[in-house]
Amino acid sequence: MTQRIRFDELLEAVENLPDDAQAELVAVIRHRLAERGRERIAKEVRQARKEFGEGKCSATTPDDLMREIES
């Protein structure tokens, strides 16, 4: 079973780490967030390409897109 930690408890635990460990933790978290972001974008691109290939959407120009957004 996974133990849940409250956010305030987590912050307190991190605060008790040495400065270099806190900096390393920040670097690890940033890296993981960036990786998840890249994975999300890649998934969205795959889905968009699939929909385009199935004819569910069509190519457009930036100007046309902006007109549609602004209308």
C-alpha atoms as a PDB file:
ATOM      1  CA  MET A   1       0.000   0.000   0.000  1.00  0.00           C
ATOM      2  CA  THR A   2       1.255   3.492  -0.857  1.00  0.00           C
ATOM      3  CA  GLN A   3       1.547   5.912   2.041  1.00  0.00           C
ATOM      4  CA  ARG A   4       0.174   9.396   1.368  1.00  0.00           C
ATOM      5  CA  ILE A   5       2.061  12.416   2.673  1.00  0.00           C
ATOM      6  CA  ARG A   6       0.343  15.755   3.158  1.00  0.00           C
ATOM      7  CA  PHE A   7       1.852  18.679   1.290  1.00  0.00           C
ATOM      8  CA  ASP A   8       2.811  20.557   4.466  1.00  0.00           C
ATOM      9  CA  GLU A   9       4.508  17.415   5.812  1.00  0.00           C
ATOM     10  CA  LEU A  10       6.417  17.061   2.578  1.00  0.00           C
ATOM     11  CA  LEU A  11       7.575  20.670   2.710  1.00  0.00           C
ATOM     12  CA  GLU A  12       8.755  20.197   6.269  1.00  0.00           C
ATOM     13  CA  ALA A  13      10.666  17.044   5.315  1.00  0.00           C
ATOM     14  CA  VAL A  14      12.325  18.851   2.402  1.00  0.00           C
ATOM     15  CA  GLU A  15      13.199  21.767   4.665  1.00  0.00           C
ATOM     16  CA  ASN A  16      15.083  19.331   6.903  1.00  0.00           C
ATOM     17  CA  LEU A  17      17.303  18.204   4.017  1.00  0.00           C
ATOM     18  CA  PRO A  18      20.743  19.782   3.527  1.00  0.00           C
ATOM     19  CA  ASP A  19      20.841  22.591   0.964  1.00  0.00           C
ATOM     20  CA  ASP A  20      22.601  20.475  -1.657  1.00  0.00           C
ATOM     21  CA  ALA A  21      19.989  17.730  -1.322  1.00  0.00           C
ATOM     22  CA  GLN A  22      17.205  20.312  -1.678  1.00  0.00           C
ATOM     23  CA  ALA A  23      18.835  21.654  -4.838  1.00  0.00           C
ATOM     24  CA  GLU A  24      19.164  18.133  -6.253  1.00  0.00           C
ATOM     25  CA  LEU A  25      15.505  17.447  -5.448  1.00  0.00           C
ATOM     26  CA  VAL A  26      14.477  20.594  -7.314  1.00  0.00           C
ATOM     27  CA  ALA A  27      16.562  19.514 -10.316  1.00  0.00           C
ATOM     28  CA  VAL A  28      15.014  16.031 -10.318  1.00  0.00           C
ATOM     29  CA  ILE A  29      11.475  17.407 -10.079  1.00  0.00           C
ATOM     30  CA  ARG A  30      12.101  19.936 -12.885  1.00  0.00           C
ATOM     31  CA  HIS A  31      13.516  17.170 -15.080  1.00  0.00           C
ATOM     32  CA  ARG A  32      10.517  14.902 -14.440  1.00  0.00           C
ATOM     33  CA  LEU A  33       8.039  17.704 -15.114  1.00  0.00           C
ATOM     34  CA  ALA A  34       9.809  18.561 -18.364  1.00  0.00           C
ATOM     35  CA  GLU A  35       9.791  14.911 -19.419  1.00  0.00           C
ATOM     36  CA  ARG A  36       6.062  14.584 -18.675  1.00  0.00           C
ATOM     37  CA  GLY A  37       5.461  17.758 -20.679  1.00  0.00           C
ATOM     38  CA  ARG A  38       7.374  16.348 -23.649  1.00  0.00           C
ATOM     39  CA  GLU A  39       5.440  13.080 -23.410  1.00  0.00           C
ATOM     40  CA  ARG A  40       2.113  14.953 -23.300  1.00  0.00           C
ATOM     41  CA  ILE A  41       3.021  17.044 -26.348  1.00  0.00           C
ATOM     42  CA  ALA A  42       4.190  13.961 -28.277  1.00  0.00           C
ATOM     43  CA  LYS A  43       0.909  12.207 -27.458  1.00  0.00           C
ATOM     44  CA  GLU A  44      -1.100  15.226 -28.623  1.00  0.00           C
ATOM     45  CA  VAL A  45       0.894  15.400 -31.862  1.00  0.00           C
ATOM     46  CA  ARG A  46       0.301  11.688 -32.533  1.00  0.00           C
ATOM     47  CA  GLN A  47      -3.424  12.162 -31.917  1.00  0.00           C
ATOM     48  CA  ALA A  48      -3.579  15.239 -34.169  1.00  0.00           C
ATOM     49  CA  ARG A  49      -1.762  13.426 -36.969  1.00  0.00           C
ATOM     50  CA  LYS A  50      -4.136  10.479 -36.624  1.00  0.00           C
ATOM     51  CA  GLU A  51      -7.188  12.768 -36.789  1.00  0.00           C
ATOM     52  CA  PHE A  52      -5.737  14.631 -39.770  1.00  0.00           C
ATOM     53  CA  GLY A  53      -5.050  11.336 -41.535  1.00  0.00           C
ATOM     54  CA  GLU A  54      -8.640  10.249 -40.889  1.00  0.00           C
ATOM     55  CA  GLY A  55      -9.923  13.497 -42.390  1.00  0.00           C
ATOM     56  CA  LYS A  56     -11.324  14.745 -39.078  1.00  0.00           C
ATOM     57  CA  CYS A  57      -9.543  18.079 -39.453  1.00  0.00           C
ATOM     58  CA  SER A  58      -7.916  20.100 -42.185  1.00  0.00           C
ATOM     59  CA  ALA A  59      -4.901  22.290 -42.691  1.00  0.00           C
ATOM     60  CA  THR A  60      -5.344  26.008 -42.047  1.00  0.00           C
ATOM     61  CA  THR A  61      -3.303  29.176 -42.092  1.00  0.00           C
ATOM     62  CA  PRO A  62      -2.417  31.143 -38.969  1.00  0.00           C
ATOM     63  CA  ASP A  63      -4.561  34.041 -40.224  1.00  0.00           C
ATOM     64  CA  ASP A  64      -7.587  31.780 -40.677  1.00  0.00           C
ATOM     65  CA  LEU A  65      -7.027  30.291 -37.253  1.00  0.00           C
ATOM     66  CA  MET A  66      -6.847  33.725 -35.622  1.00  0.00           C
ATOM     67  CA  ARG A  67     -10.038  34.825 -37.404  1.00  0.00           C
ATOM     68  CA  GLU A  68     -11.788  31.720 -36.082  1.00  0.00           C
ATOM     69  CA  ILE A  69     -10.529  32.330 -32.536  1.00  0.00           C
ATOM     70  CA  GLU A  70     -11.537  35.995 -32.590  1.00  0.00           C
ATOM     71  CA  SER A  71     -15.038  35.364 -33.965  1.00  0.00           C
END
